[in-house]
Amino acid sequence: MNYNNKVFVPVSNSENAETSSDTIFLYKQVGNILTSEYSGGKIKKGHLIGLVDENGNIDMRYHQINVHGELNAGICKSTPEILENGKIRLHENWQWTSGDKSKGESILEEQ
């Protein structure tokens, strides 16, 4: 699975998440290395970097600056689901590595 030039938007989030449906992720992939820049909603600027396995699962790290000027970071595991329309839905389990170190779940969908 290749995520290059795909755009994702959160459609579901835990309460402790900073991303929202206003946050837009643009994914780039070269080989098995995935990167993304994202912003919108409570996020002024964010980046992620990850590795994609042979099944499309992503092991990533992210950092972002929110609208309050706070720098936060975390880890995330994403599992893809191919929808009937051929688009990708990502099921994410993540944990903050800064702040309260809480865990959460998100669902992102390809636009």
N, C-alpha and C. Protein backbone atom coordinates (compact mmCIF):
# COMPACT_ATOMS: atom_id res chain seq x y z
N MET A 1 0.86 -1.18 0.00
CA MET A 1 0.00 0.00 0.00
C MET A 1 0.89 1.23 0.00
N ASN A 2 0.51 2.20 -0.82
CA ASN A 2 1.30 3.43 -0.89
C ASN A 2 0.39 4.61 -0.57
N TYR A 3 0.84 5.43 0.37
CA TYR A 3 0.07 6.58 0.83
C TYR A 3 0.49 7.89 0.17
N ASN A 4 1.39 7.82 -0.81
CA ASN A 4 1.95 9.04 -1.39
C ASN A 4 0.86 9.94 -2.00
N ASN A 5 0.91 11.22 -1.60
CA ASN A 5 0.00 12.27 -2.08
C ASN A 5 -1.45 12.07 -1.68
N LYS A 6 -1.71 11.24 -0.68
CA LYS A 6 -3.08 11.06 -0.19
C LYS A 6 -3.35 12.08 0.93
N VAL A 7 -4.58 12.56 0.97
CA VAL A 7 -5.00 13.53 1.98
C VAL A 7 -5.97 12.84 2.93
N PHE A 8 -5.73 12.99 4.24
CA PHE A 8 -6.57 12.37 5.27
C PHE A 8 -7.11 13.43 6.21
N VAL A 9 -8.33 13.17 6.71
CA VAL A 9 -9.00 14.06 7.67
C VAL A 9 -9.58 13.19 8.79
N PRO A 10 -9.41 13.60 10.05
CA PRO A 10 -10.03 12.86 11.16
C PRO A 10 -11.55 12.90 11.09
N VAL A 11 -12.18 11.75 11.32
CA VAL A 11 -13.64 11.68 11.37
C VAL A 11 -14.12 11.26 12.76
N SER A 12 -13.18 10.81 13.60
CA SER A 12 -13.50 10.39 14.97
C SER A 12 -12.24 10.52 15.80
N ASN A 13 -12.41 10.96 17.06
CA ASN A 13 -11.26 11.20 17.94
C ASN A 13 -11.63 11.00 19.40
N SER A 14 -10.65 10.62 20.19
CA SER A 14 -10.78 10.64 21.64
C SER A 14 -10.81 12.10 22.10
N GLU A 15 -11.38 12.34 23.28
CA GLU A 15 -11.49 13.72 23.80
C GLU A 15 -10.14 14.39 24.02
N ASN A 16 -9.09 13.60 24.29
CA ASN A 16 -7.78 14.18 24.60
C ASN A 16 -6.95 14.45 23.34
N ALA A 17 -7.55 14.31 22.16
CA ALA A 17 -6.86 14.59 20.91
C ALA A 17 -6.86 16.09 20.62
N GLU A 18 -5.86 16.54 19.87
CA GLU A 18 -5.82 17.94 19.44
C GLU A 18 -6.28 18.08 17.98
N THR A 19 -6.31 16.99 17.24
CA THR A 19 -6.77 17.06 15.86
C THR A 19 -8.30 17.02 15.82
N SER A 20 -8.84 17.51 14.69
CA SER A 20 -10.29 17.54 14.50
C SER A 20 -10.58 17.42 13.01
N SER A 21 -11.85 17.50 12.66
CA SER A 21 -12.23 17.43 11.24
C SER A 21 -11.69 18.62 10.45
N ASP A 22 -11.17 19.63 11.14
CA ASP A 22 -10.54 20.78 10.49
C ASP A 22 -9.05 20.58 10.24
N THR A 23 -8.50 19.46 10.70
CA THR A 23 -7.08 19.16 10.54
C THR A 23 -6.90 18.35 9.25
N ILE A 24 -5.99 18.81 8.40
CA ILE A 24 -5.74 18.14 7.12
C ILE A 24 -4.31 17.61 7.10
N PHE A 25 -4.20 16.31 6.79
CA PHE A 25 -2.92 15.62 6.70
C PHE A 25 -2.60 15.36 5.22
N LEU A 26 -1.43 15.75 4.75
CA LEU A 26 -0.98 15.39 3.41
C LEU A 26 0.17 14.39 3.57
N TYR A 27 -0.07 13.16 3.14
CA TYR A 27 0.91 12.09 3.28
C TYR A 27 1.82 12.03 2.07
N LYS A 28 3.09 11.77 2.33
CA LYS A 28 4.12 11.51 1.31
C LYS A 28 4.78 10.19 1.67
N GLN A 29 5.08 9.38 0.67
CA GLN A 29 5.74 8.10 0.94
C GLN A 29 6.77 7.82 -0.14
N VAL A 30 7.98 7.44 0.32
CA VAL A 30 9.06 6.98 -0.56
C VAL A 30 9.54 5.66 0.02
N GLY A 31 9.41 4.59 -0.76
CA GLY A 31 9.73 3.27 -0.23
C GLY A 31 8.77 2.98 0.91
N ASN A 32 9.31 2.59 2.05
CA ASN A 32 8.45 2.33 3.21
C ASN A 32 8.46 3.48 4.22
N ILE A 33 9.01 4.62 3.84
CA ILE A 33 9.09 5.78 4.73
C ILE A 33 7.95 6.75 4.43
N LEU A 34 7.14 7.01 5.45
CA LEU A 34 5.99 7.90 5.35
C LEU A 34 6.27 9.19 6.11
N THR A 35 5.91 10.31 5.52
CA THR A 35 5.98 11.60 6.21
C THR A 35 4.68 12.35 5.96
N SER A 36 4.40 13.31 6.82
CA SER A 36 3.22 14.15 6.62
C SER A 36 3.42 15.48 7.31
N GLU A 37 2.90 16.52 6.67
CA GLU A 37 2.71 17.80 7.33
C GLU A 37 1.22 17.95 7.51
N TYR A 38 0.82 18.55 8.63
CA TYR A 38 -0.60 18.74 8.89
C TYR A 38 -0.83 20.00 9.69
N SER A 39 -2.04 20.55 9.55
CA SER A 39 -2.45 21.75 10.28
C SER A 39 -3.96 21.88 10.18
N GLY A 40 -4.49 22.79 10.98
CA GLY A 40 -5.92 23.07 10.97
C GLY A 40 -6.56 22.78 12.30
N GLY A 41 -7.64 23.47 12.58
CA GLY A 41 -8.30 23.32 13.87
C GLY A 41 -7.38 23.83 14.98
N LYS A 42 -7.12 23.01 15.99
CA LYS A 42 -6.27 23.40 17.12
C LYS A 42 -4.78 23.29 16.81
N ILE A 43 -4.43 22.79 15.61
CA ILE A 43 -3.03 22.56 15.26
C ILE A 43 -2.52 23.66 14.33
N LYS A 44 -1.50 24.40 14.80
CA LYS A 44 -0.85 25.38 13.92
C LYS A 44 0.03 24.68 12.90
N LYS A 45 0.82 23.72 13.36
CA LYS A 45 1.75 23.00 12.48
C LYS A 45 2.11 21.67 13.11
N GLY A 46 2.09 20.62 12.30
CA GLY A 46 2.48 19.31 12.79
C GLY A 46 3.22 18.53 11.73
N HIS A 47 4.02 17.58 12.19
CA HIS A 47 4.76 16.67 11.31
C HIS A 47 4.66 15.27 11.86
N LEU A 48 4.69 14.30 10.96
CA LEU A 48 4.82 12.92 11.41
C LEU A 48 5.80 12.20 10.50
N ILE A 49 6.42 11.15 11.03
CA ILE A 49 7.29 10.29 10.26
C ILE A 49 7.02 8.87 10.71
N GLY A 50 7.00 7.96 9.75
CA GLY A 50 6.68 6.59 10.12
C GLY A 50 7.19 5.58 9.10
N LEU A 51 7.03 4.33 9.47
CA LEU A 51 7.37 3.21 8.60
C LEU A 51 6.11 2.45 8.25
N VAL A 52 5.98 2.10 6.99
CA VAL A 52 4.82 1.36 6.49
C VAL A 52 5.25 -0.09 6.24
N ASP A 53 4.50 -1.05 6.81
CA ASP A 53 4.84 -2.46 6.59
C ASP A 53 4.14 -3.00 5.34
N GLU A 54 4.37 -4.26 5.04
CA GLU A 54 3.85 -4.87 3.80
C GLU A 54 2.32 -4.91 3.75
N ASN A 55 1.64 -4.77 4.90
CA ASN A 55 0.18 -4.77 4.95
C ASN A 55 -0.42 -3.36 5.02
N GLY A 56 0.44 -2.34 4.96
CA GLY A 56 -0.03 -0.96 5.01
C GLY A 56 -0.15 -0.39 6.41
N ASN A 57 0.22 -1.19 7.44
CA ASN A 57 0.21 -0.68 8.81
C ASN A 57 1.32 0.35 8.97
N ILE A 58 1.04 1.37 9.77
CA ILE A 58 2.01 2.45 9.96
C ILE A 58 2.41 2.54 11.42
N ASP A 59 3.72 2.58 11.66
CA ASP A 59 4.29 2.83 12.99
C ASP A 59 4.90 4.22 12.90
N MET A 60 4.32 5.20 13.60
CA MET A 60 4.76 6.58 13.42
C MET A 60 5.02 7.32 14.72
N ARG A 61 5.71 8.42 14.57
CA ARG A 61 5.95 9.39 15.63
C ARG A 61 5.47 10.74 15.11
N TYR A 62 4.90 11.56 15.99
CA TYR A 62 4.41 12.87 15.56
C TYR A 62 4.77 13.94 16.58
N HIS A 63 4.86 15.16 16.09
CA HIS A 63 5.01 16.33 16.96
C HIS A 63 4.25 17.49 16.32
N GLN A 64 3.73 18.35 17.19
CA GLN A 64 2.88 19.42 16.70
C GLN A 64 2.87 20.59 17.67
N ILE A 65 2.57 21.77 17.11
CA ILE A 65 2.40 22.98 17.91
C ILE A 65 0.94 23.39 17.79
N ASN A 66 0.29 23.54 18.96
CA ASN A 66 -1.13 23.88 18.95
C ASN A 66 -1.33 25.40 18.94
N VAL A 67 -2.58 25.83 18.90
CA VAL A 67 -2.90 27.26 18.82
C VAL A 67 -2.51 28.03 20.09
N HIS A 68 -2.19 27.31 21.17
CA HIS A 68 -1.73 27.95 22.41
C HIS A 68 -0.21 28.05 22.44
N GLY A 69 0.47 27.63 21.36
CA GLY A 69 1.92 27.69 21.30
C GLY A 69 2.61 26.56 22.04
N GLU A 70 1.88 25.51 22.37
CA GLU A 70 2.45 24.37 23.09
C GLU A 70 2.95 23.31 22.12
N LEU A 71 4.12 22.77 22.40
CA LEU A 71 4.71 21.70 21.60
C LEU A 71 4.37 20.36 22.25
N ASN A 72 3.73 19.49 21.51
CA ASN A 72 3.35 18.16 22.00
C ASN A 72 3.82 17.10 21.02
N ALA A 73 4.03 15.89 21.55
CA ALA A 73 4.53 14.79 20.72
C ALA A 73 3.91 13.48 21.16
N GLY A 74 3.96 12.49 20.25
CA GLY A 74 3.41 11.19 20.58
C GLY A 74 3.80 10.11 19.60
N ILE A 75 3.28 8.91 19.87
CA ILE A 75 3.49 7.74 19.02
C ILE A 75 2.12 7.23 18.58
N CYS A 76 2.10 6.57 17.42
CA CYS A 76 0.83 6.12 16.87
C CYS A 76 1.03 4.88 16.02
N LYS A 77 0.09 3.96 16.11
CA LYS A 77 0.02 2.79 15.23
C LYS A 77 -1.28 2.91 14.45
N SER A 78 -1.19 2.85 13.12
CA SER A 78 -2.35 2.97 12.25
C SER A 78 -2.56 1.69 11.46
N THR A 79 -3.81 1.26 11.39
CA THR A 79 -4.18 0.07 10.62
C THR A 79 -5.16 0.49 9.53
N PRO A 80 -4.85 0.17 8.25
CA PRO A 80 -5.72 0.60 7.17
C PRO A 80 -6.91 -0.33 6.96
N GLU A 81 -7.99 0.28 6.48
CA GLU A 81 -9.17 -0.46 6.02
C GLU A 81 -9.53 0.14 4.67
N ILE A 82 -9.73 -0.71 3.67
CA ILE A 82 -10.13 -0.23 2.35
C ILE A 82 -11.66 -0.19 2.30
N LEU A 83 -12.20 0.99 2.04
CA LEU A 83 -13.64 1.18 1.99
C LEU A 83 -14.20 0.72 0.64
N GLU A 84 -15.51 0.57 0.56
CA GLU A 84 -16.16 0.12 -0.69
C GLU A 84 -15.85 1.03 -1.87
N ASN A 85 -15.64 2.31 -1.60
CA ASN A 85 -15.34 3.26 -2.68
C ASN A 85 -13.86 3.28 -3.05
N GLY A 86 -13.05 2.40 -2.42
CA GLY A 86 -11.62 2.31 -2.71
C GLY A 86 -10.75 3.22 -1.88
N LYS A 87 -11.38 4.12 -1.12
CA LYS A 87 -10.62 5.03 -0.25
C LYS A 87 -10.14 4.28 0.99
N ILE A 88 -9.16 4.89 1.67
CA ILE A 88 -8.55 4.27 2.86
C ILE A 88 -9.09 4.92 4.12
N ARG A 89 -9.43 4.09 5.09
CA ARG A 89 -9.77 4.53 6.45
C ARG A 89 -8.66 4.02 7.36
N LEU A 90 -8.10 4.92 8.17
CA LEU A 90 -7.04 4.55 9.11
C LEU A 90 -7.58 4.49 10.53
N HIS A 91 -7.40 3.34 11.17
CA HIS A 91 -7.77 3.16 12.57
C HIS A 91 -6.50 3.35 13.39
N GLU A 92 -6.50 4.37 14.25
CA GLU A 92 -5.27 4.76 14.95
C GLU A 92 -5.39 4.58 16.46
N ASN A 93 -4.33 4.02 17.02
CA ASN A 93 -4.15 3.95 18.48
C ASN A 93 -2.89 4.75 18.78
N TRP A 94 -3.02 5.75 19.63
CA TRP A 94 -1.90 6.65 19.87
C TRP A 94 -1.73 6.94 21.36
N GLN A 95 -0.57 7.50 21.67
CA GLN A 95 -0.27 7.92 23.05
C GLN A 95 0.62 9.14 23.01
N TRP A 96 0.27 10.12 23.84
CA TRP A 96 1.14 11.28 24.01
C TRP A 96 2.42 10.84 24.70
N THR A 97 3.56 11.34 24.23
CA THR A 97 4.83 11.12 24.93
C THR A 97 5.23 12.38 25.69
N SER A 98 4.40 13.41 25.57
CA SER A 98 4.57 14.64 26.33
C SER A 98 3.30 14.87 27.13
N GLY A 99 3.32 15.87 27.99
CA GLY A 99 2.12 16.19 28.76
C GLY A 99 1.69 15.05 29.67
N ASP A 100 0.41 14.70 29.62
CA ASP A 100 -0.13 13.70 30.56
C ASP A 100 0.10 12.25 30.11
N LYS A 101 0.70 12.07 28.92
CA LYS A 101 1.03 10.74 28.40
C LYS A 101 -0.21 9.84 28.25
N SER A 102 -1.38 10.46 28.08
CA SER A 102 -2.61 9.70 27.93
C SER A 102 -2.67 9.04 26.55
N LYS A 103 -3.57 8.06 26.44
CA LYS A 103 -3.76 7.31 25.19
C LYS A 103 -5.08 7.70 24.55
N GLY A 104 -5.21 7.41 23.26
CA GLY A 104 -6.45 7.70 22.56
C GLY A 104 -6.57 6.91 21.28
N GLU A 105 -7.71 7.08 20.63
CA GLU A 105 -8.00 6.44 19.36
C GLU A 105 -8.58 7.47 18.40
N SER A 106 -8.22 7.33 17.14
CA SER A 106 -8.74 8.22 16.09
C SER A 106 -9.05 7.39 14.85
N ILE A 107 -9.93 7.92 14.03
CA ILE A 107 -10.17 7.36 12.71
C ILE A 107 -10.00 8.49 11.70
N LEU A 108 -9.14 8.25 10.70
CA LEU A 108 -8.93 9.19 9.62
C LEU A 108 -9.44 8.57 8.34
N GLU A 109 -9.97 9.41 7.45
CA GLU A 109 -10.42 8.91 6.16
C GLU A 109 -9.79 9.71 5.04
N GLU A 110 -9.45 8.98 3.97
CA GLU A 110 -8.88 9.59 2.78
C GLU A 110 -9.94 10.46 2.11
N GLN A 111 -9.52 11.64 1.68
CA GLN A 111 -10.43 12.58 1.01
C GLN A 111 -10.35 12.42 -0.50
